[in-house]
Structure formats: structure tokens, C-alpha cells
Amino acid sequence: MKKNKITVEKGGKTPENINVKNSDNLEDSIPEISEEQKEYARITVRNEFNKKFSKWAEIDPVNATDEDLEAIKKDFEDCVEENKNKLYFIATHQDGLALKTAEFLKEWNAKFNTWNKGSWKGLIQFDRVITKIIEELKADNNKDLEIDYSTLIFLYQSMGEPKGTGIDSARQMAKFENYNEETGKVFEEDIPVTYSGVLEKILIEVNNLSNIDKKLTILKERVNLAYAGLKMNLKITELEEFLEFHEAITAKAVEDDPDVKKATGEK
């Protein structure tokens, strides 16, 4: 449900139905849309939307007012604010796991993390961050290991595709994974923190972050519709429902894509 806009760039091509040759002001040459045309467009969008997506939301038969727009904008802004300063859970404080995980990450960053070009700065910054976290965890035994957005993304990008060179780094990775190279299996004695275990926690939080972004996409589209005079009334509240709604909207966009239709032979 993208909003189509007509833009005219200096020196660029213009649509055939717009004549700009004899106009000193380009805006004067763009035909205004009458209120009747706008209302016809609203009716078309409303009918199509309600036919496809009424399980999750419906566009109100009454056009959006200024008060509706402000309320819808507030819903979007509240969701942004709620997640802006969120911390992401990596390990519980129980059994000292939070501290052990933080110390593991510090050791991994010092001995195994890789960088190229200017990304070495990220390793230095993370060492500062994780060192401070370790100090805080030592001072408070009831504190879980939680990290902010930038640290989460740093670990996701750094740990997602581990790399190394030579046997020494391979054996270091084996240590991080509690792997016994003699037996080809993990050691029978379990250890509290492994590379893959930490990465699993990071992937869970990144996936949750992606899901929140999909909810925000819907709330932002709701704002766009309100600006166009259309009030989307949501029937959903749970994140899982927003994900389902987002998937339906995405599928409809793909279905309507002219390139997709061309590839499948549809008209």
C-alpha cells in the first residue's frame, strides 16, 4: 500500500499528460485533484482494503478527522518510544550465568573476533561496553545480562558468521563450543556458556526486534492512510496478530507487483 507521488526533477523526464513547457512554475502545471476525485479514490481504497484485510482491520466508512489523525500518530509514536530505549535479554543472573556470559563475550572479542577496514573501532568500543557491564554484574548479583540495540547488532553481525585462520583459532573455537577434538563430540561435562548458546539468545532478540519493526510498519501505514483521510480501525492487539497482518499485506503487494504478474503470465 505505497503512496504514489509525482515528482518532477529539473532536467528530467515528465509524464506525458503534464505540459511544463510554457510554465514558469512547475507546481502550476500539475493538475489539482478535485474533492470528488479524492473521495472516489478513498472509496476505492476502502472497499479493496476491507475486502482483503478485514480479519485484522477495517477502514472506517467515515473519513478520518484531524483528531483521528493525531490519535493515530500518537499510537505510532508511543510504540516507537516504548522500544527506543529497550534492553535485550542475553542471560539470567541465576547461578552467576550473566557474569559468566559477559566474561565469555569479553574473552571472545579479545581473542577471536575479526575486523576489516574501519570495523576495528567496533571491537574497541565493545570491549569498553562489556568491561563496564562486567563491573556492574559483579556489583549486583541479581542483575541480568541485558544489552542495548547497538551492542545487540554488533554481536549479531560479529558472531553470525564466525571466521578464523589456522589450527590455533580452530582449537580456540572448539574451546568456545565445549568440543572434544579427540571424540568429535562435546565434553560430557557441560559448561554454562558456549558460543552457539550465546548466539541463539542473540538471534532470538534480533528476531523479536524484526517483529517489532513489522508492527511499526503497519502503524506507520495507518498514519499514512489517516493523512489521506482514511481511518484504519485495528481489530488486533497482540504482536503475533500484527505479524500475520504484515504477512498478508506483503503477500498482496507481491501479488499486485507488475513484474510478478509478467513473470507468472498474469494480466
Protein backbone atom coordinates (compact mmCIF):
# COMPACT_ATOMS: atom_id res chain seq x y z
CA MET A 1 0.00 0.00 0.00
CA LYS A 2 2.62 2.51 -1.07
CA LYS A 3 1.61 6.10 -1.75
CA ASN A 4 2.37 7.10 -5.29
CA LYS A 5 3.82 10.55 -5.73
CA ILE A 6 4.58 12.54 -8.87
CA THR A 7 7.91 14.29 -8.70
CA VAL A 8 9.39 16.48 -11.41
CA GLU A 9 13.16 16.87 -11.36
CA LYS A 10 14.99 19.66 -13.17
CA GLY A 11 16.18 18.42 -16.50
CA GLY A 12 14.39 15.09 -16.07
CA LYS A 13 11.51 13.49 -17.93
CA THR A 14 7.94 14.36 -17.03
CA PRO A 15 4.73 12.36 -17.51
CA GLU A 16 3.22 12.81 -20.96
CA ASN A 17 -0.04 14.25 -19.63
CA ILE A 18 1.73 17.14 -17.88
CA ASN A 19 2.77 20.07 -20.03
CA VAL A 20 5.51 22.17 -18.45
CA LYS A 21 6.94 23.87 -21.48
CA ASN A 22 5.04 27.13 -21.14
CA SER A 23 5.01 27.35 -17.35
CA ASP A 24 7.39 29.33 -15.19
CA ASN A 25 6.14 27.48 -12.09
CA LEU A 26 6.14 23.71 -12.28
CA GLU A 27 3.60 23.43 -9.47
CA ASP A 28 1.12 25.48 -11.52
CA SER A 29 1.34 22.93 -14.34
CA ILE A 30 0.36 19.93 -12.18
CA PRO A 31 -3.42 19.49 -12.33
CA GLU A 32 -5.14 19.64 -8.95
CA ILE A 33 -7.24 16.70 -7.87
CA SER A 34 -10.82 17.67 -7.12
CA GLU A 35 -12.54 16.70 -3.88
CA GLU A 36 -14.79 14.38 -5.91
CA GLN A 37 -11.75 12.56 -7.29
CA LYS A 38 -10.20 12.29 -3.82
CA GLU A 39 -13.41 10.86 -2.40
CA TYR A 40 -13.68 8.37 -5.25
CA ALA A 41 -10.12 7.26 -4.52
CA ARG A 42 -10.94 6.87 -0.82
CA ILE A 43 -13.98 4.74 -1.61
CA THR A 44 -11.92 2.53 -3.93
CA VAL A 45 -9.15 2.04 -1.40
CA ARG A 46 -11.65 1.47 1.43
CA ASN A 47 -13.56 -1.21 -0.46
CA GLU A 48 -10.42 -3.02 -1.63
CA PHE A 49 -8.80 -2.88 1.81
CA ASN A 50 -11.85 -4.14 3.68
CA LYS A 51 -12.32 -6.95 1.20
CA LYS A 52 -8.74 -8.18 1.66
CA PHE A 53 -7.81 -7.37 5.26
CA SER A 54 -11.00 -7.23 7.36
CA LYS A 55 -9.71 -10.05 9.57
CA TRP A 56 -7.19 -7.64 11.10
CA ALA A 57 -8.51 -4.15 10.41
CA GLU A 58 -11.15 -2.16 8.56
CA ILE A 59 -11.20 1.32 7.10
CA ASP A 60 -13.99 3.29 8.69
CA PRO A 61 -16.87 4.40 6.43
CA VAL A 62 -16.42 7.90 7.87
CA ASN A 63 -13.34 9.82 6.75
CA ALA A 64 -10.57 10.49 9.26
CA THR A 65 -10.76 13.78 11.16
CA ASP A 66 -7.86 15.86 12.44
CA GLU A 67 -8.50 14.35 15.88
CA ASP A 68 -8.32 10.84 14.40
CA LEU A 69 -5.01 11.69 12.72
CA GLU A 70 -3.47 12.94 15.97
CA ALA A 71 -4.62 9.83 17.86
CA ILE A 72 -3.24 7.51 15.17
CA LYS A 73 0.07 9.38 15.11
CA LYS A 74 0.26 9.02 18.89
CA ASP A 75 -0.23 5.24 18.65
CA PHE A 76 2.76 5.05 16.29
CA GLU A 77 4.93 7.40 18.35
CA ASP A 78 4.11 5.54 21.59
CA CYS A 79 5.22 2.26 20.04
CA VAL A 80 8.47 3.85 18.83
CA GLU A 81 9.13 5.34 22.28
CA GLU A 82 8.36 2.05 24.01
CA ASN A 83 11.04 0.23 22.02
CA LYS A 84 13.58 3.03 21.56
CA ASN A 85 15.42 2.52 24.84
CA LYS A 86 14.68 -1.17 25.22
CA LEU A 87 17.31 -3.56 26.58
CA TYR A 88 17.70 -7.04 25.13
CA PHE A 89 17.99 -10.08 27.39
CA ILE A 90 21.01 -12.35 26.92
CA ALA A 91 21.47 -14.23 30.22
CA THR A 92 19.85 -14.57 33.64
CA HIS A 93 21.61 -13.69 36.86
CA GLN A 94 20.79 -17.10 38.31
CA ASP A 95 23.81 -19.29 39.07
CA GLY A 96 26.03 -16.39 38.05
CA LEU A 97 25.24 -17.02 34.39
CA ALA A 98 25.01 -13.33 33.48
CA LEU A 99 28.56 -12.65 34.69
CA LYS A 100 29.95 -15.83 33.11
CA THR A 101 28.35 -14.90 29.76
CA ALA A 102 29.70 -11.34 29.88
CA GLU A 103 33.20 -12.62 30.68
CA PHE A 104 32.86 -15.12 27.84
CA LEU A 105 31.97 -12.34 25.41
CA LYS A 106 34.90 -10.23 26.56
CA GLU A 107 37.28 -13.16 26.00
CA TRP A 108 35.75 -13.98 22.62
CA ASN A 109 36.05 -10.35 21.46
CA ALA A 110 39.69 -10.20 22.63
CA LYS A 111 40.85 -13.48 21.12
CA PHE A 112 38.55 -14.44 18.29
CA ASN A 113 36.52 -11.56 16.91
CA THR A 114 37.62 -10.36 13.46
CA TRP A 115 37.53 -6.98 11.76
CA ASN A 116 38.23 -5.39 8.40
CA LYS A 117 38.64 -1.82 7.18
CA GLY A 118 37.34 0.53 9.87
CA SER A 119 35.42 -2.03 11.91
CA TRP A 120 38.30 -2.35 14.40
CA LYS A 121 36.70 0.58 16.21
CA GLY A 122 33.71 -1.59 16.98
CA LEU A 123 35.86 -4.16 18.79
CA ILE A 124 37.43 -1.45 20.94
CA GLN A 125 34.05 0.08 21.74
CA PHE A 126 32.55 -3.31 22.61
CA ASP A 127 35.46 -4.06 24.96
CA ARG A 128 34.67 -0.85 26.82
CA VAL A 129 30.96 -1.69 26.96
CA ILE A 130 31.38 -5.29 28.12
CA THR A 131 34.02 -4.30 30.70
CA LYS A 132 31.57 -1.83 32.24
CA ILE A 133 28.80 -4.46 32.19
CA ILE A 134 31.09 -6.96 33.97
CA GLU A 135 31.78 -4.39 36.70
CA GLU A 136 28.05 -3.80 37.14
CA LEU A 137 27.29 -7.53 37.29
CA LYS A 138 30.00 -8.07 39.92
CA ALA A 139 28.47 -5.28 41.98
CA ASP A 140 24.92 -6.68 41.71
CA ASN A 141 24.42 -10.45 41.80
CA ASN A 142 20.72 -10.06 40.95
CA LYS A 143 21.33 -8.21 37.67
CA ASP A 144 20.63 -9.99 34.37
CA LEU A 145 22.84 -9.51 31.33
CA GLU A 146 20.96 -7.11 29.06
CA ILE A 147 22.38 -5.07 26.20
CA ASP A 148 21.24 -2.10 24.15
CA TYR A 149 20.34 -2.05 20.46
CA SER A 150 23.76 -1.10 19.08
CA THR A 151 25.51 -3.80 21.13
CA LEU A 152 22.96 -6.40 20.05
CA ILE A 153 23.50 -5.59 16.37
CA PHE A 154 27.29 -5.59 16.83
CA LEU A 155 27.20 -9.09 18.33
CA TYR A 156 24.73 -10.31 15.71
CA GLN A 157 26.96 -9.15 12.87
CA SER A 158 30.19 -10.29 14.53
CA MET A 159 29.08 -13.70 15.77
CA GLY A 160 26.69 -14.64 12.97
CA GLU A 161 29.45 -15.87 10.66
CA PRO A 162 32.50 -16.81 12.75
CA LYS A 163 35.84 -16.85 10.94
CA GLY A 164 39.36 -17.84 11.79
CA THR A 165 42.71 -18.79 10.32
CA GLY A 166 44.73 -21.90 11.12
CA ILE A 167 44.56 -24.65 13.69
CA ASP A 168 45.10 -22.41 16.72
CA SER A 169 41.97 -20.39 16.05
CA ALA A 170 40.05 -23.60 15.26
CA ARG A 171 41.01 -25.03 18.65
CA GLN A 172 40.00 -21.77 20.29
CA MET A 173 36.59 -22.14 18.68
CA ALA A 174 36.44 -25.74 19.92
CA LYS A 175 37.01 -24.41 23.42
CA PHE A 176 34.19 -21.88 23.00
CA GLU A 177 31.89 -24.71 21.90
CA ASN A 178 32.98 -27.21 24.60
CA TYR A 179 34.08 -29.52 21.77
CA ASN A 180 36.32 -32.55 22.33
CA GLU A 181 38.51 -32.97 19.26
CA GLU A 182 39.52 -36.47 20.38
CA THR A 183 35.97 -37.83 20.38
CA GLY A 184 34.40 -35.44 17.89
CA LYS A 185 31.66 -34.68 20.42
CA VAL A 186 31.04 -32.16 23.16
CA PHE A 187 32.62 -32.92 26.51
CA GLU A 188 30.42 -34.93 28.82
CA GLU A 189 30.87 -32.32 31.50
CA ASP A 190 28.61 -29.48 30.46
CA ILE A 191 29.78 -25.88 30.69
CA PRO A 192 27.43 -22.97 31.37
CA VAL A 193 28.30 -20.82 28.35
CA THR A 194 29.02 -21.79 24.74
CA TYR A 195 29.38 -19.77 21.57
CA SER A 196 26.33 -21.32 19.91
CA GLY A 197 24.30 -20.90 23.12
CA VAL A 198 25.01 -17.17 23.30
CA LEU A 199 24.38 -16.76 19.57
CA GLU A 200 20.99 -18.46 19.96
CA LYS A 201 19.98 -15.85 22.54
CA ILE A 202 21.15 -13.05 20.26
CA LEU A 203 19.22 -14.45 17.30
CA ILE A 204 16.05 -14.66 19.40
CA GLU A 205 16.34 -10.98 20.33
CA VAL A 206 17.14 -9.91 16.75
CA ASN A 207 14.08 -11.82 15.56
CA ASN A 208 11.97 -10.07 18.20
CA LEU A 209 13.38 -6.75 17.00
CA SER A 210 12.42 -7.60 13.43
CA ASN A 211 8.89 -8.43 14.57
CA ILE A 212 8.54 -5.08 16.32
CA ASP A 213 9.68 -3.38 13.10
CA LYS A 214 6.86 -5.14 11.22
CA LYS A 215 4.33 -3.86 13.75
CA LEU A 216 5.72 -0.35 13.35
CA THR A 217 5.40 -0.68 9.57
CA ILE A 218 1.67 -1.29 9.95
CA LEU A 219 1.23 1.57 12.42
CA LYS A 220 3.14 3.88 10.06
CA GLU A 221 0.93 2.85 7.14
CA ARG A 222 -2.06 3.61 9.37
CA VAL A 223 -0.69 7.14 9.77
CA ASN A 224 -0.25 7.49 6.00
CA LEU A 225 -3.85 6.43 5.42
CA ALA A 226 -5.08 8.94 8.00
CA TYR A 227 -3.24 11.73 6.19
CA ALA A 228 -5.18 10.67 3.09
CA GLY A 229 -8.45 10.87 5.02
CA LEU A 230 -8.83 7.14 5.70
CA LYS A 231 -9.22 5.87 9.26
CA MET A 232 -7.93 2.33 9.79
CA ASN A 233 -9.61 0.70 12.78
CA LEU A 234 -7.43 -2.10 14.11
CA LYS A 235 -9.06 -5.31 15.35
CA ILE A 236 -5.79 -6.66 16.74
CA THR A 237 -3.62 -6.03 19.78
CA GLU A 238 -1.16 -8.93 20.04
CA LEU A 239 2.22 -8.91 18.27
CA GLU A 240 1.50 -12.27 16.63
CA GLU A 241 -1.61 -10.77 15.04
CA PHE A 242 0.39 -7.83 13.68
CA LEU A 243 2.88 -10.28 12.15
CA GLU A 244 0.07 -12.16 10.46
CA PHE A 245 -1.37 -8.88 9.16
CA HIS A 246 2.04 -7.78 7.89
CA GLU A 247 2.48 -11.07 6.07
CA ALA A 248 -0.92 -10.69 4.39
CA ILE A 249 -0.14 -7.13 3.26
CA THR A 250 3.27 -8.21 1.92
CA ALA A 251 1.72 -11.12 0.03
CA LYS A 252 -0.86 -8.78 -1.53
CA ALA A 253 1.88 -6.33 -2.58
CA VAL A 254 3.78 -9.15 -4.29
CA GLU A 255 0.59 -10.37 -5.95
CA ASP A 256 -0.08 -6.89 -7.38
CA ASP A 257 3.53 -6.33 -8.50
CA PRO A 258 3.53 -5.95 -12.32
CA ASP A 259 6.89 -7.71 -12.59
CA VAL A 260 5.50 -10.70 -10.71
CA LYS A 261 2.43 -10.78 -12.92
CA LYS A 262 4.62 -10.62 -16.01
CA ALA A 263 6.78 -13.48 -14.76
CA THR A 264 3.72 -15.66 -14.00
CA GLY A 265 1.91 -14.74 -17.19
CA GLU A 266 -0.94 -12.96 -15.39
CA LYS A 267 -2.62 -9.87 -16.73
